[in-house]
């Protein structure tokens, strides 16, 4: 008789929904700063880039969040990893990943 035990890795980072807290992600895009403000309990967000505020939606896809917005050829397509620590830009067939910092806001 074979017995299989499944355990959990206590060292693995805990992954919560990106909208579990109100937070601001600060990343880099096209060499400049970009800020993504996410409100607790909502997958609607505000993206601040080059002095413009763009209303966006976050769509959870397997292990990342796709940023849904009107297409802008200077930005391309954007996605955020589940932890909110990386922003991926897909533009002209090229993928660029940059690190993000997260500031949790008190609600």
PDB file of N, CA and C in Angstrom:
ATOM      1  N   UNK A   1       0.835  -1.174   0.000  1.00  0.00           N
ATOM      2  CA  UNK A   1       0.000   0.000   0.000  1.00  0.00           C
ATOM      3  C   UNK A   1       0.880   1.237   0.000  1.00  0.00           C
ATOM      4  N   UNK A   2       0.660   2.112  -0.954  1.00  0.00           N
ATOM      5  CA  UNK A   2       1.440   3.348  -1.043  1.00  0.00           C
ATOM      6  C   UNK A   2       0.652   4.491  -0.432  1.00  0.00           C
ATOM      7  N   UNK A   3       1.351   5.332   0.281  1.00  0.00           N
ATOM      8  CA  UNK A   3       0.715   6.477   0.928  1.00  0.00           C
ATOM      9  C   UNK A   3       1.430   7.732   0.461  1.00  0.00           C
ATOM     10  N   UNK A   4       0.689   8.661  -0.054  1.00  0.00           N
ATOM     11  CA  UNK A   4       1.259   9.919  -0.513  1.00  0.00           C
ATOM     12  C   UNK A   4       0.778  11.031   0.401  1.00  0.00           C
ATOM     13  N   UNK A   5       1.709  11.821   0.865  1.00  0.00           N
ATOM     14  CA  UNK A   5       1.371  12.961   1.720  1.00  0.00           C
ATOM     15  C   UNK A   5       1.656  14.251   0.963  1.00  0.00           C
ATOM     16  N   UNK A   6       0.715  15.138   0.964  1.00  0.00           N
ATOM     17  CA  UNK A   6       0.886  16.445   0.337  1.00  0.00           C
ATOM     18  C   UNK A   6       1.093  17.466   1.441  1.00  0.00           C
ATOM     19  N   UNK A   7       2.058  18.287   1.314  1.00  0.00           N
ATOM     20  CA  UNK A   7       2.327  19.329   2.307  1.00  0.00           C
ATOM     21  C   UNK A   7       2.336  20.675   1.635  1.00  0.00           C
ATOM     22  N   UNK A   8       2.566  21.669   2.416  1.00  0.00           N
ATOM     23  CA  UNK A   8       2.678  22.999   1.827  1.00  0.00           C
ATOM     24  C   UNK A   8       4.019  23.583   2.212  1.00  0.00           C
ATOM     25  N   UNK A   9       4.540  24.411   1.377  1.00  0.00           N
ATOM     26  CA  UNK A   9       5.832  25.052   1.603  1.00  0.00           C
ATOM     27  C   UNK A   9       5.604  26.325   2.399  1.00  0.00           C
ATOM     28  N   UNK A  10       6.014  26.323   3.650  1.00  0.00           N
ATOM     29  CA  UNK A  10       5.796  27.497   4.493  1.00  0.00           C
ATOM     30  C   UNK A  10       6.668  28.671   4.070  1.00  0.00           C
ATOM     31  N   UNK A  11       7.677  28.409   3.244  1.00  0.00           N
ATOM     32  CA  UNK A  11       8.567  29.472   2.772  1.00  0.00           C
ATOM     33  C   UNK A  11       8.039  30.151   1.503  1.00  0.00           C
ATOM     34  N   UNK A  12       7.083  29.533   0.846  1.00  0.00           N
ATOM     35  CA  UNK A  12       6.547  30.097  -0.393  1.00  0.00           C
ATOM     36  C   UNK A  12       5.782  31.376  -0.088  1.00  0.00           C
ATOM     37  N   UNK A  13       5.888  32.391  -0.959  1.00  0.00           N
ATOM     38  CA  UNK A  13       5.161  33.634  -0.711  1.00  0.00           C
ATOM     39  C   UNK A  13       3.651  33.417  -0.782  1.00  0.00           C
ATOM     40  N   UNK A  14       2.933  34.057   0.118  1.00  0.00           N
ATOM     41  CA  UNK A  14       1.480  33.956   0.124  1.00  0.00           C
ATOM     42  C   UNK A  14       0.940  34.870  -0.974  1.00  0.00           C
ATOM     43  N   UNK A  15       0.111  34.318  -1.828  1.00  0.00           N
ATOM     44  CA  UNK A  15      -0.438  35.093  -2.932  1.00  0.00           C
ATOM     45  C   UNK A  15      -1.880  35.449  -2.613  1.00  0.00           C
ATOM     46  N   UNK A  16      -2.156  36.737  -2.534  1.00  0.00           N
ATOM     47  CA  UNK A  16      -3.505  37.238  -2.310  1.00  0.00           C
ATOM     48  C   UNK A  16      -3.972  37.894  -3.601  1.00  0.00           C
ATOM     49  N   UNK A  17      -5.263  38.066  -3.713  1.00  0.00           N
ATOM     50  CA  UNK A  17      -5.793  38.787  -4.872  1.00  0.00           C
ATOM     51  C   UNK A  17      -5.194  40.192  -4.892  1.00  0.00           C
ATOM     52  N   UNK A  18      -4.902  40.682  -6.080  1.00  0.00           N
ATOM     53  CA  UNK A  18      -4.255  41.987  -6.202  1.00  0.00           C
ATOM     54  C   UNK A  18      -5.124  43.102  -5.608  1.00  0.00           C
ATOM     55  N   UNK A  19      -6.441  42.878  -5.553  1.00  0.00           N
ATOM     56  CA  UNK A  19      -7.347  43.893  -5.016  1.00  0.00           C
ATOM     57  C   UNK A  19      -7.719  43.620  -3.555  1.00  0.00           C
ATOM     58  N   UNK A  20      -6.912  42.819  -2.857  1.00  0.00           N
ATOM     59  CA  UNK A  20      -7.212  42.513  -1.451  1.00  0.00           C
ATOM     60  C   UNK A  20      -6.962  43.714  -0.544  1.00  0.00           C
ATOM     61  N   UNK A  21      -6.184  44.678  -1.022  1.00  0.00           N
ATOM     62  CA  UNK A  21      -5.903  45.903  -0.274  1.00  0.00           C
ATOM     63  C   UNK A  21      -5.809  47.056  -1.271  1.00  0.00           C
ATOM     64  N   UNK A  22      -6.067  48.270  -0.779  1.00  0.00           N
ATOM     65  CA  UNK A  22      -5.845  49.450  -1.616  1.00  0.00           C
ATOM     66  C   UNK A  22      -4.339  49.658  -1.703  1.00  0.00           C
ATOM     67  N   UNK A  23      -3.820  49.775  -2.924  1.00  0.00           N
ATOM     68  CA  UNK A  23      -2.368  49.876  -3.083  1.00  0.00           C
ATOM     69  C   UNK A  23      -1.995  50.666  -4.320  1.00  0.00           C
ATOM     70  N   UNK A  24      -0.760  51.099  -4.331  1.00  0.00           N
ATOM     71  CA  UNK A  24      -0.180  51.790  -5.473  1.00  0.00           C
ATOM     72  C   UNK A  24       1.059  51.035  -5.912  1.00  0.00           C
ATOM     73  N   UNK A  25       1.099  50.658  -7.186  1.00  0.00           N
ATOM     74  CA  UNK A  25       2.271  50.011  -7.763  1.00  0.00           C
ATOM     75  C   UNK A  25       3.063  51.069  -8.522  1.00  0.00           C
ATOM     76  N   UNK A  26       4.348  51.153  -8.260  1.00  0.00           N
ATOM     77  CA  UNK A  26       5.222  52.091  -8.968  1.00  0.00           C
ATOM     78  C   UNK A  26       6.216  51.278  -9.781  1.00  0.00           C
ATOM     79  N   UNK A  27       6.203  51.514 -11.091  1.00  0.00           N
ATOM     80  CA  UNK A  27       7.040  50.736 -12.001  1.00  0.00           C
ATOM     81  C   UNK A  27       7.701  51.703 -12.987  1.00  0.00           C
ATOM     82  N   UNK A  28       8.386  51.130 -13.965  1.00  0.00           N
ATOM     83  CA  UNK A  28       9.008  51.912 -15.025  1.00  0.00           C
ATOM     84  C   UNK A  28       8.454  51.437 -16.361  1.00  0.00           C
ATOM     85  N   UNK A  29       8.190  52.394 -17.256  1.00  0.00           N
ATOM     86  CA  UNK A  29       7.669  52.068 -18.582  1.00  0.00           C
ATOM     87  C   UNK A  29       8.282  53.033 -19.579  1.00  0.00           C
ATOM     88  N   UNK A  30       8.887  52.516 -20.621  1.00  0.00           N
ATOM     89  CA  UNK A  30       9.540  53.335 -21.651  1.00  0.00           C
ATOM     90  C   UNK A  30      10.540  54.321 -21.043  1.00  0.00           C
ATOM     91  N   UNK A  31      11.206  53.904 -19.967  1.00  0.00           N
ATOM     92  CA  UNK A  31      12.213  54.743 -19.338  1.00  0.00           C
ATOM     93  C   UNK A  31      11.672  55.772 -18.365  1.00  0.00           C
ATOM     94  N   UNK A  32      10.368  55.830 -18.182  1.00  0.00           N
ATOM     95  CA  UNK A  32       9.767  56.794 -17.264  1.00  0.00           C
ATOM     96  C   UNK A  32       8.912  56.098 -16.226  1.00  0.00           C
ATOM     97  N   UNK A  33       8.497  56.842 -15.207  1.00  0.00           N
ATOM     98  CA  UNK A  33       7.684  56.231 -14.152  1.00  0.00           C
ATOM     99  C   UNK A  33       6.235  56.006 -14.585  1.00  0.00           C
ATOM    100  N   UNK A  34       5.663  54.940 -14.067  1.00  0.00           N
ATOM    101  CA  UNK A  34       4.247  54.644 -14.259  1.00  0.00           C
ATOM    102  C   UNK A  34       3.703  54.218 -12.897  1.00  0.00           C
ATOM    103  N   UNK A  35       2.505  54.661 -12.578  1.00  0.00           N
ATOM    104  CA  UNK A  35       1.868  54.333 -11.314  1.00  0.00           C
ATOM    105  C   UNK A  35       0.516  53.701 -11.599  1.00  0.00           C
ATOM    106  N   UNK A  36       0.223  52.611 -10.891  1.00  0.00           N
ATOM    107  CA  UNK A  36      -1.065  51.932 -11.027  1.00  0.00           C
ATOM    108  C   UNK A  36      -1.715  51.926  -9.649  1.00  0.00           C
ATOM    109  N   UNK A  37      -2.862  52.584  -9.540  1.00  0.00           N
ATOM    110  CA  UNK A  37      -3.581  52.671  -8.269  1.00  0.00           C
ATOM    111  C   UNK A  37      -4.749  51.691  -8.303  1.00  0.00           C
ATOM    112  N   UNK A  38      -4.769  50.767  -7.322  1.00  0.00           N
ATOM    113  CA  UNK A  38      -5.786  49.732  -7.248  1.00  0.00           C
ATOM    114  C   UNK A  38      -6.567  49.916  -5.954  1.00  0.00           C
ATOM    115  N   UNK A  39      -7.888  49.931  -6.054  1.00  0.00           N
ATOM    116  CA  UNK A  39      -8.755  50.104  -4.896  1.00  0.00           C
ATOM    117  C   UNK A  39      -9.186  48.741  -4.370  1.00  0.00           C
ATOM    118  N   UNK A  40      -9.176  48.569  -3.057  1.00  0.00           N
ATOM    119  CA  UNK A  40      -9.572  47.311  -2.428  1.00  0.00           C
ATOM    120  C   UNK A  40     -10.957  46.887  -2.920  1.00  0.00           C
ATOM    121  N   UNK A  41     -11.055  45.622  -3.305  1.00  0.00           N
ATOM    122  CA  UNK A  41     -12.336  45.052  -3.716  1.00  0.00           C
ATOM    123  C   UNK A  41     -12.750  45.403  -5.133  1.00  0.00           C
ATOM    124  N   UNK A  42     -11.859  46.029  -5.918  1.00  0.00           N
ATOM    125  CA  UNK A  42     -12.214  46.414  -7.278  1.00  0.00           C
ATOM    126  C   UNK A  42     -11.073  46.087  -8.227  1.00  0.00           C
ATOM    127  N   UNK A  43     -11.410  45.569  -9.390  1.00  0.00           N
ATOM    128  CA  UNK A  43     -10.409  45.339 -10.419  1.00  0.00           C
ATOM    129  C   UNK A  43     -10.380  46.487 -11.420  1.00  0.00           C
ATOM    130  N   UNK A  44     -11.007  47.610 -11.046  1.00  0.00           N
ATOM    131  CA  UNK A  44     -10.859  48.857 -11.795  1.00  0.00           C
ATOM    132  C   UNK A  44      -9.647  49.561 -11.207  1.00  0.00           C
ATOM    133  N   UNK A  45      -8.844  50.199 -12.042  1.00  0.00           N
ATOM    134  CA  UNK A  45      -7.632  50.852 -11.559  1.00  0.00           C
ATOM    135  C   UNK A  45      -7.395  52.129 -12.351  1.00  0.00           C
ATOM    136  N   UNK A  46      -6.506  52.953 -11.836  1.00  0.00           N
ATOM    137  CA  UNK A  46      -6.059  54.157 -12.536  1.00  0.00           C
ATOM    138  C   UNK A  46      -4.589  53.995 -12.852  1.00  0.00           C
ATOM    139  N   UNK A  47      -4.244  54.268 -14.092  1.00  0.00           N
ATOM    140  CA  UNK A  47      -2.866  54.186 -14.538  1.00  0.00           C
ATOM    141  C   UNK A  47      -2.405  55.612 -14.808  1.00  0.00           C
ATOM    142  N   UNK A  48      -1.334  56.036 -14.165  1.00  0.00           N
ATOM    143  CA  UNK A  48      -0.790  57.377 -14.348  1.00  0.00           C
ATOM    144  C   UNK A  48       0.525  57.267 -15.107  1.00  0.00           C
ATOM    145  N   UNK A  49       0.570  57.860 -16.315  1.00  0.00           N
ATOM    146  CA  UNK A  49       1.760  57.767 -17.155  1.00  0.00           C
ATOM    147  C   UNK A  49       1.893  59.031 -17.983  1.00  0.00           C
ATOM    148  N   UNK A  50       3.072  59.630 -17.953  1.00  0.00           N
ATOM    149  CA  UNK A  50       3.373  60.849 -18.707  1.00  0.00           C
ATOM    150  C   UNK A  50       2.348  61.944 -18.458  1.00  0.00           C
ATOM    151  N   UNK A  51       1.948  62.110 -17.198  1.00  0.00           N
ATOM    152  CA  UNK A  51       1.020  63.170 -16.824  1.00  0.00           C
ATOM    153  C   UNK A  51      -0.433  62.895 -17.174  1.00  0.00           C
ATOM    154  N   UNK A  52      -0.723  61.707 -17.701  1.00  0.00           N
ATOM    155  CA  UNK A  52      -2.100  61.353 -18.059  1.00  0.00           C
ATOM    156  C   UNK A  52      -2.623  60.284 -17.118  1.00  0.00           C
ATOM    157  N   UNK A  53      -3.906  60.392 -16.750  1.00  0.00           N
ATOM    158  CA  UNK A  53      -4.564  59.350 -15.972  1.00  0.00           C
ATOM    159  C   UNK A  53      -5.453  58.565 -16.917  1.00  0.00           C
ATOM    160  N   UNK A  54      -5.260  57.254 -16.933  1.00  0.00           N
ATOM    161  CA  UNK A  54      -6.022  56.368 -17.803  1.00  0.00           C
ATOM    162  C   UNK A  54      -6.765  55.376 -16.920  1.00  0.00           C
ATOM    163  N   UNK A  55      -8.074  55.286 -17.085  1.00  0.00           N
ATOM    164  CA  UNK A  55      -8.869  54.301 -16.352  1.00  0.00           C
ATOM    165  C   UNK A  55      -8.697  52.952 -17.041  1.00  0.00           C
ATOM    166  N   UNK A  56      -8.356  51.929 -16.255  1.00  0.00           N
ATOM    167  CA  UNK A  56      -8.119  50.592 -16.801  1.00  0.00           C
ATOM    168  C   UNK A  56      -8.859  49.555 -15.967  1.00  0.00           C
ATOM    169  N   UNK A  57      -8.931  48.355 -16.492  1.00  0.00           N
ATOM    170  CA  UNK A  57      -9.491  47.220 -15.768  1.00  0.00           C
ATOM    171  C   UNK A  57      -8.426  46.140 -15.695  1.00  0.00           C
ATOM    172  N   UNK A  58      -8.449  45.369 -14.620  1.00  0.00           N
ATOM    173  CA  UNK A  58      -7.522  44.248 -14.466  1.00  0.00           C
ATOM    174  C   UNK A  58      -8.298  42.957 -14.658  1.00  0.00           C
ATOM    175  N   UNK A  59      -7.789  42.093 -15.491  1.00  0.00           N
ATOM    176  CA  UNK A  59      -8.410  40.805 -15.769  1.00  0.00           C
ATOM    177  C   UNK A  59      -7.473  39.710 -15.269  1.00  0.00           C
ATOM    178  N   UNK A  60      -7.946  38.906 -14.313  1.00  0.00           N
ATOM    179  CA  UNK A  60      -7.113  37.836 -13.777  1.00  0.00           C
ATOM    180  C   UNK A  60      -7.022  36.706 -14.790  1.00  0.00           C
ATOM    181  N   UNK A  61      -5.789  36.354 -15.162  1.00  0.00           N
ATOM    182  CA  UNK A  61      -5.525  35.281 -16.119  1.00  0.00           C
ATOM    183  C   UNK A  61      -4.469  34.374 -15.503  1.00  0.00           C
ATOM    184  N   UNK A  62      -4.833  33.166 -15.166  1.00  0.00           N
ATOM    185  CA  UNK A  62      -3.962  32.145 -14.586  1.00  0.00           C
ATOM    186  C   UNK A  62      -3.025  32.721 -13.522  1.00  0.00           C
ATOM    187  N   UNK A  63      -1.810  33.154 -13.888  1.00  0.00           N
ATOM    188  CA  UNK A  63      -0.844  33.614 -12.892  1.00  0.00           C
ATOM    189  C   UNK A  63      -0.436  35.081 -13.070  1.00  0.00           C
ATOM    190  N   UNK A  64      -1.279  35.874 -13.740  1.00  0.00           N
ATOM    191  CA  UNK A  64      -0.997  37.304 -13.890  1.00  0.00           C
ATOM    192  C   UNK A  64      -2.304  38.054 -14.085  1.00  0.00           C
ATOM    193  N   UNK A  65      -2.222  39.370 -14.093  1.00  0.00           N
ATOM    194  CA  UNK A  65      -3.366  40.236 -14.366  1.00  0.00           C
ATOM    195  C   UNK A  65      -3.089  41.008 -15.646  1.00  0.00           C
ATOM    196  N   UNK A  66      -3.964  40.858 -16.634  1.00  0.00           N
ATOM    197  CA  UNK A  66      -3.879  41.616 -17.882  1.00  0.00           C
ATOM    198  C   UNK A  66      -4.484  42.987 -17.623  1.00  0.00           C
ATOM    199  N   UNK A  67      -3.824  44.042 -18.075  1.00  0.00           N
ATOM    200  CA  UNK A  67      -4.363  45.393 -17.945  1.00  0.00           C
ATOM    201  C   UNK A  67      -5.138  45.698 -19.222  1.00  0.00           C
ATOM    202  N   UNK A  68      -6.453  45.877 -19.066  1.00  0.00           N
ATOM    203  CA  UNK A  68      -7.319  46.161 -20.208  1.00  0.00           C
ATOM    204  C   UNK A  68      -7.495  47.664 -20.333  1.00  0.00           C
ATOM    205  N   UNK A  69      -7.151  48.192 -21.498  1.00  0.00           N
ATOM    206  CA  UNK A  69      -7.254  49.629 -21.740  1.00  0.00           C
ATOM    207  C   UNK A  69      -7.318  49.879 -23.238  1.00  0.00           C
ATOM    208  N   UNK A  70      -7.668  51.092 -23.590  1.00  0.00           N
ATOM    209  CA  UNK A  70      -7.654  51.469 -25.009  1.00  0.00           C
ATOM    210  C   UNK A  70      -6.221  51.347 -25.512  1.00  0.00           C
ATOM    211  N   UNK A  71      -6.041  50.746 -26.694  1.00  0.00           N
ATOM    212  CA  UNK A  71      -4.697  50.508 -27.207  1.00  0.00           C
ATOM    213  C   UNK A  71      -3.961  51.824 -27.461  1.00  0.00           C
ATOM    214  N   UNK A  72      -2.730  51.870 -26.997  1.00  0.00           N
ATOM    215  CA  UNK A  72      -1.839  53.010 -27.215  1.00  0.00           C
ATOM    216  C   UNK A  72      -0.535  52.436 -27.773  1.00  0.00           C
ATOM    217  N   UNK A  73      -0.141  52.806 -29.003  1.00  0.00           N
ATOM    218  CA  UNK A  73       1.054  52.210 -29.610  1.00  0.00           C
ATOM    219  C   UNK A  73       2.337  52.499 -28.837  1.00  0.00           C
ATOM    220  N   UNK A  74       2.376  53.566 -28.034  1.00  0.00           N
ATOM    221  CA  UNK A  74       3.567  53.853 -27.223  1.00  0.00           C
ATOM    222  C   UNK A  74       3.652  52.939 -26.006  1.00  0.00           C
ATOM    223  N   UNK A  75       2.509  52.419 -25.560  1.00  0.00           N
ATOM    224  CA  UNK A  75       2.472  51.560 -24.378  1.00  0.00           C
ATOM    225  C   UNK A  75       2.407  50.090 -24.768  1.00  0.00           C
ATOM    226  N   UNK A  76       1.600  49.734 -25.738  1.00  0.00           N
ATOM    227  CA  UNK A  76       1.411  48.339 -26.117  1.00  0.00           C
ATOM    228  C   UNK A  76       0.475  47.657 -25.135  1.00  0.00           C
ATOM    229  N   UNK A  77       0.726  46.405 -24.823  1.00  0.00           N
ATOM    230  CA  UNK A  77      -0.084  45.657 -23.864  1.00  0.00           C
ATOM    231  C   UNK A  77       0.699  45.511 -22.568  1.00  0.00           C
ATOM    232  N   UNK A  78      -0.027  45.582 -21.443  1.00  0.00           N
ATOM    233  CA  UNK A  78       0.610  45.493 -20.130  1.00  0.00           C
ATOM    234  C   UNK A  78      -0.020  44.391 -19.297  1.00  0.00           C
ATOM    235  N   UNK A  79       0.793  43.767 -18.463  1.00  0.00           N
ATOM    236  CA  UNK A  79       0.280  42.812 -17.489  1.00  0.00           C
ATOM    237  C   UNK A  79       1.147  42.882 -16.234  1.00  0.00           C
ATOM    238  N   UNK A  80       0.547  42.478 -15.105  1.00  0.00           N
ATOM    239  CA  UNK A  80       1.210  42.511 -13.802  1.00  0.00           C
ATOM    240  C   UNK A  80       1.209  41.084 -13.258  1.00  0.00           C
ATOM    241  N   UNK A  81       2.315  40.678 -12.637  1.00  0.00           N
ATOM    242  CA  UNK A  81       2.314  39.348 -12.026  1.00  0.00           C
ATOM    243  C   UNK A  81       1.411  39.352 -10.796  1.00  0.00           C
ATOM    244  N   UNK A  82       1.079  38.167 -10.287  1.00  0.00           N
ATOM    245  CA  UNK A  82       0.129  38.052  -9.171  1.00  0.00           C
ATOM    246  C   UNK A  82       0.575  38.795  -7.923  1.00  0.00           C
ATOM    247  N   UNK A  83       1.862  38.840  -7.659  1.00  0.00           N
ATOM    248  CA  UNK A  83       2.355  39.510  -6.461  1.00  0.00           C
ATOM    249  C   UNK A  83       2.423  41.027  -6.624  1.00  0.00           C
ATOM    250  N   UNK A  84       2.268  41.515  -7.860  1.00  0.00           N
ATOM    251  CA  UNK A  84       2.349  42.950  -8.102  1.00  0.00           C
ATOM    252  C   UNK A  84       3.773  43.477  -8.063  1.00  0.00           C
ATOM    253  N   UNK A  85       4.746  42.603  -8.305  1.00  0.00           N
ATOM    254  CA  UNK A  85       6.148  43.004  -8.234  1.00  0.00           C
ATOM    255  C   UNK A  85       6.809  43.164  -9.600  1.00  0.00           C
ATOM    256  N   UNK A  86       6.092  42.778 -10.672  1.00  0.00           N
ATOM    257  CA  UNK A  86       6.645  42.893 -12.021  1.00  0.00           C
ATOM    258  C   UNK A  86       5.588  43.377 -13.004  1.00  0.00           C
ATOM    259  N   UNK A  87       5.998  44.303 -13.851  1.00  0.00           N
ATOM    260  CA  UNK A  87       5.158  44.794 -14.938  1.00  0.00           C
ATOM    261  C   UNK A  87       5.772  44.286 -16.235  1.00  0.00           C
ATOM    262  N   UNK A  88       4.952  43.655 -17.064  1.00  0.00           N
ATOM    263  CA  UNK A  88       5.422  43.167 -18.361  1.00  0.00           C
ATOM    264  C   UNK A  88       4.767  43.999 -19.457  1.00  0.00           C
ATOM    265  N   UNK A  89       5.599  44.522 -20.352  1.00  0.00           N
ATOM    266  CA  UNK A  89       5.128  45.304 -21.491  1.00  0.00           C
ATOM    267  C   UNK A  89       5.384  44.496 -22.757  1.00  0.00           C
ATOM    268  N   UNK A  90       4.327  44.310 -23.563  1.00  0.00           N
ATOM    269  CA  UNK A  90       4.463  43.650 -24.856  1.00  0.00           C
ATOM    270  C   UNK A  90       4.192  44.720 -25.909  1.00  0.00           C
ATOM    271  N   UNK A  91       5.240  45.030 -26.672  1.00  0.00           N
ATOM    272  CA  UNK A  91       5.143  46.112 -27.661  1.00  0.00           C
ATOM    273  C   UNK A  91       5.958  45.711 -28.891  1.00  0.00           C
ATOM    274  N   UNK A  92       5.334  45.793 -30.057  1.00  0.00           N
ATOM    275  CA  UNK A  92       5.989  45.442 -31.316  1.00  0.00           C
ATOM    276  C   UNK A  92       6.596  44.038 -31.279  1.00  0.00           C
ATOM    277  N   UNK A  93       5.906  43.110 -30.634  1.00  0.00           N
ATOM    278  CA  UNK A  93       6.361  41.731 -30.567  1.00  0.00           C
ATOM    279  C   UNK A  93       7.459  41.470 -29.548  1.00  0.00           C
ATOM    280  N   UNK A  94       7.910  42.510 -28.840  1.00  0.00           N
ATOM    281  CA  UNK A  94       8.947  42.346 -27.826  1.00  0.00           C
ATOM    282  C   UNK A  94       8.339  42.434 -26.437  1.00  0.00           C
ATOM    283  N   UNK A  95       8.874  41.631 -25.512  1.00  0.00           N
ATOM    284  CA  UNK A  95       8.383  41.614 -24.134  1.00  0.00           C
ATOM    285  C   UNK A  95       9.468  42.173 -23.221  1.00  0.00           C
ATOM    286  N   UNK A  96       9.095  43.148 -22.391  1.00  0.00           N
ATOM    287  CA  UNK A  96      10.040  43.755 -21.458  1.00  0.00           C
ATOM    288  C   UNK A  96       9.441  43.687 -20.059  1.00  0.00           C
ATOM    289  N   UNK A  97      10.208  43.164 -19.096  1.00  0.00           N
ATOM    290  CA  UNK A  97       9.755  43.031 -17.717  1.00  0.00           C
ATOM    291  C   UNK A  97      10.532  44.004 -16.842  1.00  0.00           C
ATOM    292  N   UNK A  98       9.805  44.785 -16.027  1.00  0.00           N
ATOM    293  CA  UNK A  98      10.438  45.696 -15.088  1.00  0.00           C
ATOM    294  C   UNK A  98       9.901  45.436 -13.681  1.00  0.00           C
ATOM    295  N   UNK A  99      10.723  45.734 -12.693  1.00  0.00           N
ATOM    296  CA  UNK A  99      10.336  45.534 -11.293  1.00  0.00           C
ATOM    297  C   UNK A  99       9.414  46.662 -10.836  1.00  0.00           C
ATOM    298  N   UNK A 100       8.528  46.329  -9.904  1.00  0.00           N
ATOM    299  CA  UNK A 100       7.607  47.309  -9.326  1.00  0.00           C
ATOM    300  C   UNK A 100       7.746  47.288  -7.810  1.00  0.00           C
ATOM    301  N   UNK A 101       7.465  48.425  -7.199  1.00  0.00           N
ATOM    302  CA  UNK A 101       7.355  48.479  -5.747  1.00  0.00           C
ATOM    303  C   UNK A 101       5.893  48.713  -5.416  1.00  0.00           C
ATOM    304  N   UNK A 102       5.470  48.191  -4.277  1.00  0.00           N
ATOM    305  CA  UNK A 102       4.078  48.292  -3.873  1.00  0.00           C
ATOM    306  C   UNK A 102       3.973  49.065  -2.570  1.00  0.00           C
ATOM    307  N   UNK A 103       3.075  50.050  -2.550  1.00  0.00           N
ATOM    308  CA  UNK A 103       2.790  50.794  -1.333  1.00  0.00           C
ATOM    309  C   UNK A 103       1.329  50.511  -0.977  1.00  0.00           C
ATOM    310  N   UNK A 104       1.119  49.878   0.181  1.00  0.00           N
ATOM    311  CA  UNK A 104      -0.233  49.565   0.635  1.00  0.00           C
ATOM    312  C   UNK A 104      -0.785  50.775   1.356  1.00  0.00           C
ATOM    313  N   UNK A 105      -1.999  51.170   0.998  1.00  0.00           N
ATOM    314  CA  UNK A 105      -2.657  52.320   1.615  1.00  0.00           C
ATOM    315  C   UNK A 105      -3.555  51.854   2.745  1.00  0.00           C
ATOM    316  N   UNK A 106      -3.639  52.640   3.782  1.00  0.00           N
ATOM    317  CA  UNK A 106      -4.558  52.328   4.867  1.00  0.00           C
ATOM    318  C   UNK A 106      -5.960  52.669   4.424  1.00  0.00           C
ATOM    319  N   UNK A 107      -6.895  51.716   4.609  1.00  0.00           N
ATOM    320  CA  UNK A 107      -8.272  51.977   4.173  1.00  0.00           C
ATOM    321  C   UNK A 107      -9.156  52.337   5.330  1.00  0.00           C
TER     322      UNK A 107
END
